[in-house]
């Protein structure tokens, strides 16, 4: 779980549809209202806007869903469930984009496919459950240097307790969201993150040696900035790397080292 940026304004198509419904004679229930919206071009416009601002990542598990081959694995999530909050069904401040939580029978990635119900995650597991406001990923800090969660080498997500306390988040409450509300440590996601850790470890075998070979502070800064760009910046398609928070943790030493080097350079 990482910071999920919010839309900065209401997409025009959604705005027009919402105003039409406000002026309609008959008030639909939330399910019918959303179904009607999904049948419009405005739904695709909203989906693209959310994908863009979220870097193509699921707002909960950080699966990559921005690439066209993952088109089927996308849904628009109501953070406050529309079944219990009809007035927020078309509220653009209540929406983000997510994956389908391991419910698809066909998917390009084997570990994203449906197997058993206990492997369902994200909004498919959440359903009508409420996420405490402090555990809403849209409320998390967006700085690279701060992460609310961390990961074990076997791919399990857990709260970063020190950061949580600094931000006023009860780690035990966040554990409940991770484990129960969203099921982000289901075996399907855990295995996928463990595989990524193994790939990163192999790729980084020579990283420390390469860093040690930098001859001066400017060289160190250039090396670190390139490294962070490779792991944390958007690619040419505008997407972030899948499981971005794992990548962030893998280069955390260099994230913390960079300000120190830049301060030294200006002395």
Protein backbone atom coordinates (compact mmCIF):
# COMPACT_ATOMS: atom_id res chain seq x y z
CA UNK A 1 0.00 0.00 0.00
CA UNK A 2 1.31 3.38 -1.04
CA UNK A 3 -0.09 6.86 -1.33
CA UNK A 4 -2.86 6.93 -3.95
CA UNK A 5 -3.15 10.38 -5.52
CA UNK A 6 -6.64 11.78 -5.86
CA UNK A 7 -8.10 13.25 -9.00
CA UNK A 8 -7.64 17.01 -9.02
CA UNK A 9 -11.00 17.70 -10.64
CA UNK A 10 -14.17 15.89 -11.63
CA UNK A 11 -14.00 14.44 -15.18
CA UNK A 12 -16.42 16.21 -17.50
CA UNK A 13 -18.25 13.05 -18.55
CA UNK A 14 -18.92 12.03 -14.94
CA UNK A 15 -20.00 15.57 -14.09
CA UNK A 16 -22.51 15.65 -16.96
CA UNK A 17 -23.92 12.21 -16.12
CA UNK A 18 -24.22 13.11 -12.44
CA UNK A 19 -26.13 16.31 -13.21
CA UNK A 20 -28.48 14.42 -15.53
CA UNK A 21 -29.28 11.97 -12.73
CA UNK A 22 -29.87 14.79 -10.24
CA UNK A 23 -32.48 16.21 -12.60
CA UNK A 24 -34.13 12.86 -13.37
CA UNK A 25 -37.68 12.20 -12.22
CA UNK A 26 -36.90 8.72 -10.89
CA UNK A 27 -34.11 8.11 -8.40
CA UNK A 28 -32.30 4.83 -9.13
CA UNK A 29 -30.74 2.71 -6.43
CA UNK A 30 -26.94 2.70 -6.29
CA UNK A 31 -26.51 -0.54 -8.26
CA UNK A 32 -28.75 0.58 -11.14
CA UNK A 33 -27.19 4.04 -11.12
CA UNK A 34 -23.67 2.65 -11.41
CA UNK A 35 -24.69 0.14 -14.08
CA UNK A 36 -26.15 2.96 -16.15
CA UNK A 37 -22.95 4.95 -15.78
CA UNK A 38 -20.79 1.99 -16.80
CA UNK A 39 -22.65 1.84 -20.11
CA UNK A 40 -21.51 5.35 -21.05
CA UNK A 41 -18.29 6.65 -22.61
CA UNK A 42 -17.83 8.71 -19.45
CA UNK A 43 -16.99 5.52 -17.55
CA UNK A 44 -14.00 4.87 -19.81
CA UNK A 45 -12.94 8.50 -19.48
CA UNK A 46 -13.03 8.19 -15.68
CA UNK A 47 -11.17 4.89 -15.76
CA UNK A 48 -8.38 6.39 -17.89
CA UNK A 49 -8.13 9.43 -15.60
CA UNK A 50 -7.76 7.20 -12.52
CA UNK A 51 -5.22 4.94 -14.24
CA UNK A 52 -3.19 7.97 -15.21
CA UNK A 53 -3.07 9.59 -11.80
CA UNK A 54 -2.35 6.26 -10.06
CA UNK A 55 0.45 5.31 -12.43
CA UNK A 56 -1.47 2.24 -13.60
CA UNK A 57 -1.36 0.59 -10.17
CA UNK A 58 -4.17 -1.00 -8.19
CA UNK A 59 -4.90 1.35 -5.31
CA UNK A 60 -4.66 -1.44 -2.76
CA UNK A 61 -2.23 -4.22 -3.78
CA UNK A 62 -0.16 -2.26 -6.37
CA UNK A 63 -0.66 -4.79 -9.14
CA UNK A 64 0.06 -3.21 -12.53
CA UNK A 65 -3.20 -2.82 -14.44
CA UNK A 66 -2.31 0.12 -16.68
CA UNK A 67 -0.95 -1.86 -19.62
CA UNK A 68 -3.52 -2.74 -22.27
CA UNK A 69 -2.95 -6.47 -21.74
CA UNK A 70 -4.42 -6.03 -18.24
CA UNK A 71 -7.51 -4.20 -19.48
CA UNK A 72 -9.86 -6.89 -18.16
CA UNK A 73 -8.32 -6.66 -14.69
CA UNK A 74 -9.62 -3.19 -13.86
CA UNK A 75 -12.54 -1.91 -11.88
CA UNK A 76 -13.46 1.41 -10.31
CA UNK A 77 -13.60 1.11 -6.55
CA UNK A 78 -15.95 2.98 -4.23
CA UNK A 79 -13.86 3.52 -1.10
CA UNK A 80 -17.09 4.08 0.83
CA UNK A 81 -19.26 1.25 -0.52
CA UNK A 82 -22.01 2.49 -2.84
CA UNK A 83 -24.48 -0.04 -1.36
CA UNK A 84 -24.41 1.88 1.92
CA UNK A 85 -23.70 5.34 0.52
CA UNK A 86 -25.95 5.97 -2.47
CA UNK A 87 -25.19 9.68 -2.42
CA UNK A 88 -21.51 8.88 -2.99
CA UNK A 89 -22.05 6.51 -5.94
CA UNK A 90 -21.01 9.22 -8.41
CA UNK A 91 -18.79 11.18 -6.01
CA UNK A 92 -15.42 11.50 -7.77
CA UNK A 93 -13.72 11.95 -4.38
CA UNK A 94 -14.90 8.45 -3.43
CA UNK A 95 -13.34 6.65 -6.39
CA UNK A 96 -10.05 5.01 -7.27
CA UNK A 97 -9.05 2.23 -9.64
CA UNK A 98 -8.25 -1.29 -8.51
CA UNK A 99 -7.57 -4.76 -9.87
CA UNK A 100 -10.23 -7.46 -9.74
CA UNK A 101 -8.62 -9.04 -6.72
CA UNK A 102 -7.70 -12.41 -8.19
CA UNK A 103 -11.22 -13.23 -9.39
CA UNK A 104 -10.50 -13.57 -13.13
CA UNK A 105 -10.19 -17.08 -14.57
CA UNK A 106 -8.02 -15.79 -17.42
CA UNK A 107 -5.09 -13.42 -16.82
CA UNK A 108 -1.64 -12.97 -18.46
CA UNK A 109 -0.01 -13.41 -15.04
CA UNK A 110 -0.62 -16.83 -13.41
CA UNK A 111 -0.48 -15.41 -9.88
CA UNK A 112 -3.25 -12.93 -10.72
CA UNK A 113 -5.74 -15.60 -11.78
CA UNK A 114 -8.64 -16.96 -9.79
CA UNK A 115 -7.83 -20.11 -7.82
CA UNK A 116 -9.71 -20.21 -4.52
CA UNK A 117 -11.81 -17.63 -2.70
CA UNK A 118 -9.26 -17.25 0.10
CA UNK A 119 -6.95 -15.71 -2.52
CA UNK A 120 -9.39 -12.89 -3.32
CA UNK A 121 -8.17 -9.46 -2.32
CA UNK A 122 -8.63 -5.72 -2.65
CA UNK A 123 -12.19 -4.50 -3.33
CA UNK A 124 -13.42 -8.04 -4.02
CA UNK A 125 -12.52 -8.94 -0.43
CA UNK A 126 -13.46 -5.57 1.04
CA UNK A 127 -17.01 -5.46 -0.37
CA UNK A 128 -19.02 -3.34 2.10
CA UNK A 129 -16.42 -3.26 4.85
CA UNK A 130 -15.18 0.15 5.96
CA UNK A 131 -11.56 1.24 5.91
CA UNK A 132 -10.64 3.58 8.79
CA UNK A 133 -9.81 7.01 7.41
CA UNK A 134 -6.21 6.86 8.65
CA UNK A 135 -5.71 3.56 6.75
CA UNK A 136 -7.13 4.89 3.49
CA UNK A 137 -4.12 4.84 1.08
CA UNK A 138 -5.23 8.20 -0.30
CA UNK A 139 -4.35 9.65 3.12
CA UNK A 140 -0.83 8.20 3.21
CA UNK A 141 2.14 10.57 2.75
CA UNK A 142 3.45 10.74 -0.81
CA UNK A 143 7.13 11.35 -0.06
CA UNK A 144 9.58 8.71 -1.29
CA UNK A 145 11.34 8.82 2.08
CA UNK A 146 8.26 7.69 4.01
CA UNK A 147 6.50 4.34 3.76
CA UNK A 148 3.60 3.18 5.91
CA UNK A 149 4.26 -0.50 5.11
CA UNK A 150 7.30 -2.73 4.74
CA UNK A 151 7.87 -6.25 3.42
CA UNK A 152 9.59 -9.39 4.64
CA UNK A 153 11.81 -11.36 2.27
CA UNK A 154 9.04 -13.92 1.81
CA UNK A 155 6.73 -11.19 0.48
CA UNK A 156 4.55 -10.48 3.48
CA UNK A 157 3.29 -6.92 3.99
CA UNK A 158 3.35 -5.45 7.46
CA UNK A 159 2.97 -2.00 9.02
CA UNK A 160 6.07 0.15 9.42
CA UNK A 161 5.37 0.70 13.09
CA UNK A 162 7.61 3.73 13.62
CA UNK A 163 6.15 5.57 10.62
CA UNK A 164 2.61 4.59 11.61
CA UNK A 165 3.01 6.04 15.07
CA UNK A 166 4.50 9.24 13.67
CA UNK A 167 1.44 9.60 11.44
CA UNK A 168 -1.08 8.69 14.13
CA UNK A 169 -1.95 5.30 12.62
CA UNK A 170 -2.53 2.41 15.00
CA UNK A 171 -0.37 -0.45 13.61
CA UNK A 172 -2.86 -3.01 14.92
CA UNK A 173 -5.69 -1.35 13.01
CA UNK A 174 -3.58 -1.32 9.83
CA UNK A 175 -2.79 -5.02 10.33
CA UNK A 176 -6.53 -5.66 10.36
CA UNK A 177 -6.97 -3.77 7.08
CA UNK A 178 -4.05 -5.61 5.44
CA UNK A 179 -4.93 -9.09 6.69
CA UNK A 180 -8.71 -9.06 6.88
CA UNK A 181 -10.39 -6.17 5.08
CA UNK A 182 -8.23 -6.34 1.93
CA UNK A 183 -6.47 -9.72 2.33
CA UNK A 184 -3.21 -8.27 0.96
CA UNK A 185 -1.15 -11.13 2.36
CA UNK A 186 -3.11 -13.83 0.57
CA UNK A 187 -0.85 -16.51 -0.85
CA UNK A 188 -1.29 -15.27 -4.41
CA UNK A 189 0.06 -11.78 -3.61
CA UNK A 190 2.67 -13.00 -1.14
CA UNK A 191 4.20 -15.33 -3.74
CA UNK A 192 4.23 -12.60 -6.38
CA UNK A 193 6.05 -10.19 -4.06
CA UNK A 194 8.51 -12.89 -2.99
CA UNK A 195 9.31 -13.58 -6.66
CA UNK A 196 9.94 -9.86 -7.14
CA UNK A 197 12.27 -9.78 -4.13
CA UNK A 198 14.26 -12.68 -5.61
CA UNK A 199 14.52 -10.88 -8.97
CA UNK A 200 15.64 -7.65 -7.30
CA UNK A 201 18.26 -9.48 -5.23
CA UNK A 202 19.71 -11.07 -8.34
CA UNK A 203 19.75 -7.77 -10.23
CA UNK A 204 21.37 -5.99 -7.28
CA UNK A 205 24.21 -8.47 -6.75
CA UNK A 206 26.72 -5.95 -8.08
CA UNK A 207 24.92 -2.81 -6.91
CA UNK A 208 27.01 -2.18 -3.79
CA UNK A 209 30.22 -2.72 -5.74
CA UNK A 210 29.10 -0.36 -8.50
CA UNK A 211 28.23 2.27 -5.89
CA UNK A 212 31.58 1.87 -4.13
CA UNK A 213 33.36 2.57 -7.42
CA UNK A 214 31.98 6.11 -7.62
CA UNK A 215 34.95 8.46 -7.28
CA UNK A 216 33.36 11.60 -5.84
CA UNK A 217 30.17 13.00 -4.36
CA UNK A 218 28.81 14.14 -7.73
CA UNK A 219 29.32 10.63 -9.07
CA UNK A 220 27.49 9.16 -6.09
CA UNK A 221 24.57 11.55 -6.56
CA UNK A 222 24.31 10.75 -10.27
CA UNK A 223 24.43 7.00 -9.54
CA UNK A 224 21.69 7.20 -6.90
CA UNK A 225 19.42 9.45 -8.94
CA UNK A 226 19.59 7.06 -11.87
CA UNK A 227 18.92 4.10 -9.57
CA UNK A 228 15.88 5.76 -8.01
CA UNK A 229 14.61 6.81 -11.41
CA UNK A 230 14.79 3.20 -12.64
CA UNK A 231 12.86 1.87 -9.64
CA UNK A 232 10.47 4.63 -8.68
CA UNK A 233 9.71 6.89 -11.65
CA UNK A 234 7.06 6.27 -14.30
CA UNK A 235 8.12 4.48 -17.46
CA UNK A 236 7.58 5.75 -21.00
CA UNK A 237 3.94 4.57 -20.85
CA UNK A 238 3.34 6.64 -17.73
CA UNK A 239 3.11 3.58 -15.48
CA UNK A 240 4.87 2.80 -12.23
CA UNK A 241 6.51 -0.56 -11.60
CA UNK A 242 4.27 -3.26 -10.18
CA UNK A 243 4.51 -3.57 -6.38
CA UNK A 244 6.13 -0.12 -6.27
CA UNK A 245 6.50 -0.22 -2.48
CA UNK A 246 8.70 -3.32 -2.71
CA UNK A 247 10.95 -1.50 -5.17
CA UNK A 248 11.01 1.50 -2.86
CA UNK A 249 12.11 -0.64 0.08
CA UNK A 250 14.83 -2.26 -2.04
CA UNK A 251 16.49 1.14 -2.59
CA UNK A 252 15.65 2.70 0.78
CA UNK A 253 19.32 3.03 1.79
CA UNK A 254 19.96 5.18 -1.27
CA UNK A 255 16.79 7.26 -0.72
CA UNK A 256 18.06 8.19 2.73
CA UNK A 257 21.63 8.69 1.53
CA UNK A 258 20.82 11.19 -1.24
CA UNK A 259 19.91 14.26 0.92
CA UNK A 260 23.06 13.76 2.97
CA UNK A 261 25.19 13.77 -0.19
CA UNK A 262 23.48 16.84 -1.60
CA UNK A 263 23.94 18.70 1.68
CA UNK A 264 27.61 17.76 1.68
CA UNK A 265 27.97 19.04 -1.88
CA UNK A 266 26.67 22.51 -0.93
CA UNK A 267 28.93 22.97 2.10
